[in-house]
N, C-alpha and C. Protein backbone atom coordinates (compact mmCIF):
# COMPACT_ATOMS: atom_id res chain seq x y z
N UNK A 1 86.85 63.72 124.86
CA UNK A 1 87.76 64.15 123.64
C UNK A 1 86.77 64.33 122.15
N UNK A 2 87.01 65.94 121.69
CA UNK A 2 86.11 66.19 120.70
C UNK A 2 85.87 65.24 119.71
N UNK A 3 85.63 64.69 118.77
CA UNK A 3 85.16 64.80 117.55
C UNK A 3 85.81 65.80 116.85
N UNK A 4 86.26 65.34 115.91
CA UNK A 4 86.52 66.55 114.58
C UNK A 4 85.88 67.01 113.87
N UNK A 5 84.64 66.52 113.52
CA UNK A 5 83.40 67.26 112.95
C UNK A 5 83.08 68.67 113.94
N UNK A 6 83.05 68.06 115.42
CA UNK A 6 82.52 68.85 116.46
C UNK A 6 83.92 70.36 117.07
N UNK A 7 84.89 69.30 116.73
CA UNK A 7 85.69 70.71 116.76
C UNK A 7 85.94 71.50 115.71
N UNK A 8 85.57 71.22 114.56
CA UNK A 8 85.36 71.95 113.56
C UNK A 8 84.53 73.20 113.79
N UNK A 9 83.36 72.73 114.51
CA UNK A 9 81.90 73.65 114.17
C UNK A 9 82.93 74.62 115.82
N UNK A 10 83.08 73.32 116.75
CA UNK A 10 83.77 74.72 117.65
C UNK A 10 84.58 76.11 117.11
N UNK A 11 85.42 75.49 116.13
CA UNK A 11 86.15 76.18 115.43
C UNK A 11 85.72 77.82 114.54
N UNK A 12 84.78 77.37 114.11
CA UNK A 12 83.86 77.95 112.78
C UNK A 12 83.26 79.06 114.26
N UNK A 13 82.33 78.67 115.18
CA UNK A 13 81.96 79.19 116.15
C UNK A 13 82.58 80.75 116.50
N UNK A 14 83.93 79.98 117.29
CA UNK A 14 85.00 81.28 117.52
C UNK A 14 85.15 82.01 116.50
N UNK A 15 85.74 81.58 115.84
CA UNK A 15 86.63 82.27 114.26
C UNK A 15 85.58 83.08 113.88
N UNK A 16 84.35 83.01 113.34
CA UNK A 16 83.62 83.89 112.67
C UNK A 16 82.16 84.47 113.54
N UNK A 17 82.12 83.45 114.80
CA UNK A 17 80.99 84.22 115.98
C UNK A 17 79.64 84.18 115.38
N UNK A 18 79.57 83.13 114.93
CA UNK A 18 78.27 82.67 114.44
C UNK A 18 77.79 81.59 115.64
N UNK A 19 76.81 80.87 115.39
CA UNK A 19 75.93 79.85 115.88
C UNK A 19 76.68 78.35 115.12
N UNK A 20 77.05 77.51 116.09
CA UNK A 20 77.79 76.66 115.37
C UNK A 20 76.46 75.51 114.20
N UNK A 21 77.23 75.75 112.84
CA UNK A 21 76.61 75.21 112.40
C UNK A 21 76.63 73.32 112.56
N UNK A 22 75.12 72.97 111.59
CA UNK A 22 75.14 71.79 111.91
C UNK A 22 75.90 70.77 110.54
N UNK A 23 76.31 70.03 111.51
CA UNK A 23 77.25 68.91 110.33
C UNK A 23 76.43 67.38 110.38
N UNK A 24 76.13 66.96 108.71
CA UNK A 24 75.80 65.85 108.62
C UNK A 24 76.10 65.36 107.62
N UNK A 25 76.17 64.03 107.05
CA UNK A 25 77.00 62.93 106.91
C UNK A 25 76.44 63.53 105.31
N UNK A 26 77.31 63.83 104.15
CA UNK A 26 77.00 64.26 103.09
C UNK A 26 76.07 62.92 102.27
N UNK A 27 74.69 62.87 101.48
CA UNK A 27 74.21 62.33 101.12
C UNK A 27 74.29 61.75 99.98
N UNK A 28 75.84 62.06 99.35
CA UNK A 28 76.32 61.59 97.95
C UNK A 28 77.68 60.95 98.50
N UNK A 29 77.38 60.56 99.04
CA UNK A 29 79.11 60.05 99.94
C UNK A 29 79.31 58.55 98.43
N UNK A 30 78.39 57.84 98.77
CA UNK A 30 78.38 56.68 97.69
C UNK A 30 78.68 56.53 96.23
N UNK A 31 78.71 58.11 95.88
CA UNK A 31 78.94 58.29 94.72
C UNK A 31 79.97 58.15 93.97
N UNK A 32 81.17 58.71 95.26
CA UNK A 32 82.57 58.97 95.38
C UNK A 32 83.23 57.86 94.85
N UNK A 33 85.04 57.58 94.25
CA UNK A 33 85.42 56.37 94.18
C UNK A 33 86.12 55.77 95.29
N UNK A 34 85.90 54.76 94.99
CA UNK A 34 85.95 53.83 96.54
C UNK A 34 87.24 54.44 97.30
N UNK A 35 88.56 54.42 96.77
CA UNK A 35 89.94 55.49 96.96
C UNK A 35 89.34 56.85 97.72
N UNK A 36 88.56 57.57 97.15
CA UNK A 36 88.05 58.64 98.12
C UNK A 36 87.06 58.52 99.09
N UNK A 37 86.67 57.24 99.30
CA UNK A 37 85.78 56.85 100.58
C UNK A 37 87.14 56.27 101.56
N UNK A 38 87.82 55.70 101.40
CA UNK A 38 88.92 55.37 102.26
C UNK A 38 89.50 56.33 102.77
N UNK A 39 90.07 57.56 102.01
CA UNK A 39 90.77 58.48 102.28
C UNK A 39 89.81 59.56 103.43
N UNK A 40 88.53 59.86 103.07
CA UNK A 40 87.68 60.81 103.79
C UNK A 40 86.41 60.13 104.40
N UNK A 41 86.42 60.80 105.04
CA UNK A 41 84.78 60.65 105.78
C UNK A 41 83.90 62.26 105.05
N UNK A 42 83.55 62.14 104.59
CA UNK A 42 82.63 63.87 103.80
C UNK A 42 81.44 63.52 104.61
N UNK A 43 81.39 64.93 104.90
CA UNK A 43 80.31 65.75 105.93
C UNK A 43 80.33 67.21 104.95
N UNK A 44 78.88 67.02 105.99
CA UNK A 44 78.67 68.62 105.26
C UNK A 44 78.19 69.45 105.96
N UNK A 45 78.06 70.77 105.71
CA UNK A 45 77.38 71.90 106.19
C UNK A 45 77.28 73.30 105.60
N UNK A 46 76.14 74.11 106.48
CA UNK A 46 75.49 75.23 105.62
C UNK A 46 76.42 76.33 106.29
N UNK A 47 77.47 76.58 105.84
CA UNK A 47 77.91 77.74 106.47
C UNK A 47 78.01 78.93 105.77
N UNK A 48 77.11 79.88 106.55
CA UNK A 48 76.20 81.41 106.09
C UNK A 48 75.61 81.21 104.55
N UNK A 49 75.00 79.98 104.32
CA UNK A 49 73.77 80.29 103.48
C UNK A 49 74.89 79.12 102.07
N UNK A 50 76.31 78.94 102.45
CA UNK A 50 76.85 78.16 101.28
C UNK A 50 76.48 76.54 101.98
N UNK A 51 76.73 75.75 101.40
CA UNK A 51 76.59 74.50 101.49
C UNK A 51 78.51 74.10 101.21
N UNK A 52 79.18 73.64 102.16
CA UNK A 52 80.31 73.55 102.20
C UNK A 52 80.59 71.94 102.77
N UNK A 53 81.43 71.31 101.75
CA UNK A 53 82.01 69.59 102.22
C UNK A 53 83.13 69.91 103.42
N UNK A 54 83.03 68.90 104.41
CA UNK A 54 84.12 68.58 105.12
C UNK A 54 84.68 67.07 104.72
N UNK A 55 86.17 67.45 104.09
CA UNK A 55 86.66 66.10 103.91
C UNK A 55 87.19 65.69 105.05
N UNK A 56 87.19 64.73 106.01
CA UNK A 56 87.64 64.27 107.20
C UNK A 56 88.73 63.43 107.12
N UNK A 57 89.79 63.61 107.54
CA UNK A 57 91.01 62.74 106.93
C UNK A 57 91.02 61.20 108.02
N UNK A 58 90.62 59.90 106.65
CA UNK A 58 90.81 59.35 108.08
C UNK A 58 91.99 58.26 108.40
N UNK A 59 92.93 58.84 107.54
CA UNK A 59 94.23 58.16 108.36
C UNK A 59 94.79 59.28 109.38
N UNK A 60 94.91 58.92 110.56
CA UNK A 60 95.05 58.90 111.77
C UNK A 60 97.05 58.49 112.28
N UNK A 61 97.46 57.86 111.55
CA UNK A 61 98.62 57.37 111.79
C UNK A 61 99.61 58.15 110.83
N UNK A 62 99.19 57.97 109.50
CA UNK A 62 100.20 58.29 108.61
C UNK A 62 99.76 59.78 108.05
N UNK A 63 100.33 60.36 108.06
CA UNK A 63 100.48 61.76 107.60
C UNK A 63 100.73 61.84 106.16
N UNK A 64 99.74 61.92 105.32
CA UNK A 64 99.42 61.85 103.99
C UNK A 64 100.36 63.43 103.17
N UNK A 65 100.86 63.32 101.80
CA UNK A 65 101.62 64.25 101.67
C UNK A 65 100.63 64.96 101.02
N UNK A 66 101.37 66.68 100.71
CA UNK A 66 100.09 67.07 100.39
C UNK A 66 99.76 66.99 98.85
N UNK A 67 100.65 67.06 98.19
CA UNK A 67 99.88 66.57 96.86
C UNK A 67 99.24 65.42 96.24
N UNK A 68 99.18 64.54 96.80
CA UNK A 68 98.07 63.50 97.13
C UNK A 68 97.13 64.25 97.54
N UNK A 69 97.11 64.79 98.86
CA UNK A 69 95.69 65.34 99.45
C UNK A 69 95.15 66.21 98.31
N UNK A 70 95.71 67.04 97.85
CA UNK A 70 95.13 68.22 96.75
C UNK A 70 94.60 67.24 95.82
N UNK A 71 95.30 66.40 95.19
CA UNK A 71 94.74 65.34 94.13
C UNK A 71 93.50 65.22 94.80
N UNK A 72 92.98 64.91 95.98
CA UNK A 72 91.79 64.27 96.12
C UNK A 72 90.77 65.20 96.29
N UNK A 73 90.99 66.10 96.73
CA UNK A 73 90.29 67.10 97.03
C UNK A 73 90.10 67.95 95.83
N UNK A 74 90.58 68.02 94.92
CA UNK A 74 90.62 68.67 93.80
C UNK A 74 89.22 67.38 93.18
N UNK A 75 89.57 66.25 92.89
CA UNK A 75 88.47 65.06 92.68
C UNK A 75 87.00 65.41 93.15
N UNK A 76 86.89 65.26 94.53
CA UNK A 76 86.21 65.29 95.41
C UNK A 76 85.64 66.78 95.13
N UNK A 77 86.15 67.69 95.00
CA UNK A 77 85.34 68.81 94.61
C UNK A 77 84.60 69.11 92.94
N UNK A 78 85.33 68.30 92.23
CA UNK A 78 84.73 68.34 90.74
C UNK A 78 83.59 67.34 91.09
N UNK A 79 83.53 66.30 91.47
CA UNK A 79 82.05 65.39 91.45
C UNK A 79 81.39 65.96 92.62
N UNK A 80 81.74 66.63 93.21
CA UNK A 80 81.01 66.89 94.10
C UNK A 80 79.70 68.66 93.75
N UNK A 81 80.65 69.50 93.27
CA UNK A 81 80.72 70.49 92.97
C UNK A 81 80.15 71.43 93.63
N UNK A 82 80.70 71.43 94.96
CA UNK A 82 81.17 72.36 95.96
C UNK A 82 82.44 72.37 96.54
N UNK A 83 82.42 73.53 97.53
CA UNK A 83 83.63 74.14 98.04
C UNK A 83 83.84 72.16 98.79
N UNK A 84 85.20 72.76 99.02
CA UNK A 84 85.14 71.17 100.30
C UNK A 84 87.01 71.98 101.29
N UNK A 85 86.16 71.44 102.23
CA UNK A 85 87.45 71.69 103.43
C UNK A 85 87.97 70.81 103.84
N UNK A 86 89.59 70.77 103.93
CA UNK A 86 90.45 69.59 104.66
C UNK A 86 90.33 69.43 106.33
N UNK A 87 90.09 68.62 106.58
CA UNK A 87 90.19 68.65 108.25
C UNK A 87 91.10 67.18 108.53
N UNK A 88 92.00 67.94 109.16
CA UNK A 88 92.96 66.40 109.52
C UNK A 88 93.13 66.62 111.45
N UNK A 89 93.00 66.21 112.15
CA UNK A 89 93.37 66.24 113.84
C UNK A 89 95.04 66.56 113.71
N UNK A 90 95.08 67.76 114.86
CA UNK A 90 96.92 68.02 115.20
C UNK A 90 96.22 68.59 116.71
N UNK A 91 97.80 67.74 117.07
CA UNK A 91 97.74 68.07 118.26
C UNK A 91 98.92 69.27 118.87
N UNK A 92 98.15 70.56 119.31
CA UNK A 92 99.44 71.70 119.78
C UNK A 92 99.20 71.09 121.23
N UNK A 93 100.88 71.49 121.77
CA UNK A 93 101.32 71.66 122.95
C UNK A 93 101.15 73.09 123.35
N UNK A 94 100.27 73.42 124.19
CA UNK A 94 99.78 74.75 124.98
C UNK A 94 101.23 74.96 125.88
N UNK A 95 102.12 74.56 126.02
CA UNK A 95 103.63 75.02 126.81
C UNK A 95 104.62 75.68 125.66
N UNK A 96 104.12 74.77 124.70
CA UNK A 96 105.25 75.05 123.58
C UNK A 96 105.15 76.11 123.03
N UNK A 97 103.53 76.31 122.96
CA UNK A 97 103.17 77.72 122.04
C UNK A 97 102.70 78.83 122.48
N UNK A 98 102.96 79.03 124.02
CA UNK A 98 102.79 79.94 124.84
C UNK A 98 103.88 80.92 124.26
N UNK A 99 105.11 80.54 124.07
CA UNK A 99 106.39 81.43 124.06
C UNK A 99 106.32 82.28 122.47
N UNK A 100 105.12 81.81 121.52
CA UNK A 100 105.41 82.61 120.24
C UNK A 100 104.51 84.07 120.62
């Protein structure tokens, strides 16, 4: 099973047709408030010459509310001064999707 950051790399490679960018831990994660560090694992990647943060949701059991996620991502973006992509695990059932 792929980790979420590896799945993001594969997705970007497939969709954009570029080599999979290296994903690494964000060096400034310790500057974030505890509630943001508890909510997300923050990784960084160079996407076509632009550094982008991946906010990988740590809450796998509960689905967070959209307004809560948006507010948290805005705080990460403001503190980091970088674009932030929200990443969460999604399970698709191929049989159900094939009829679409």
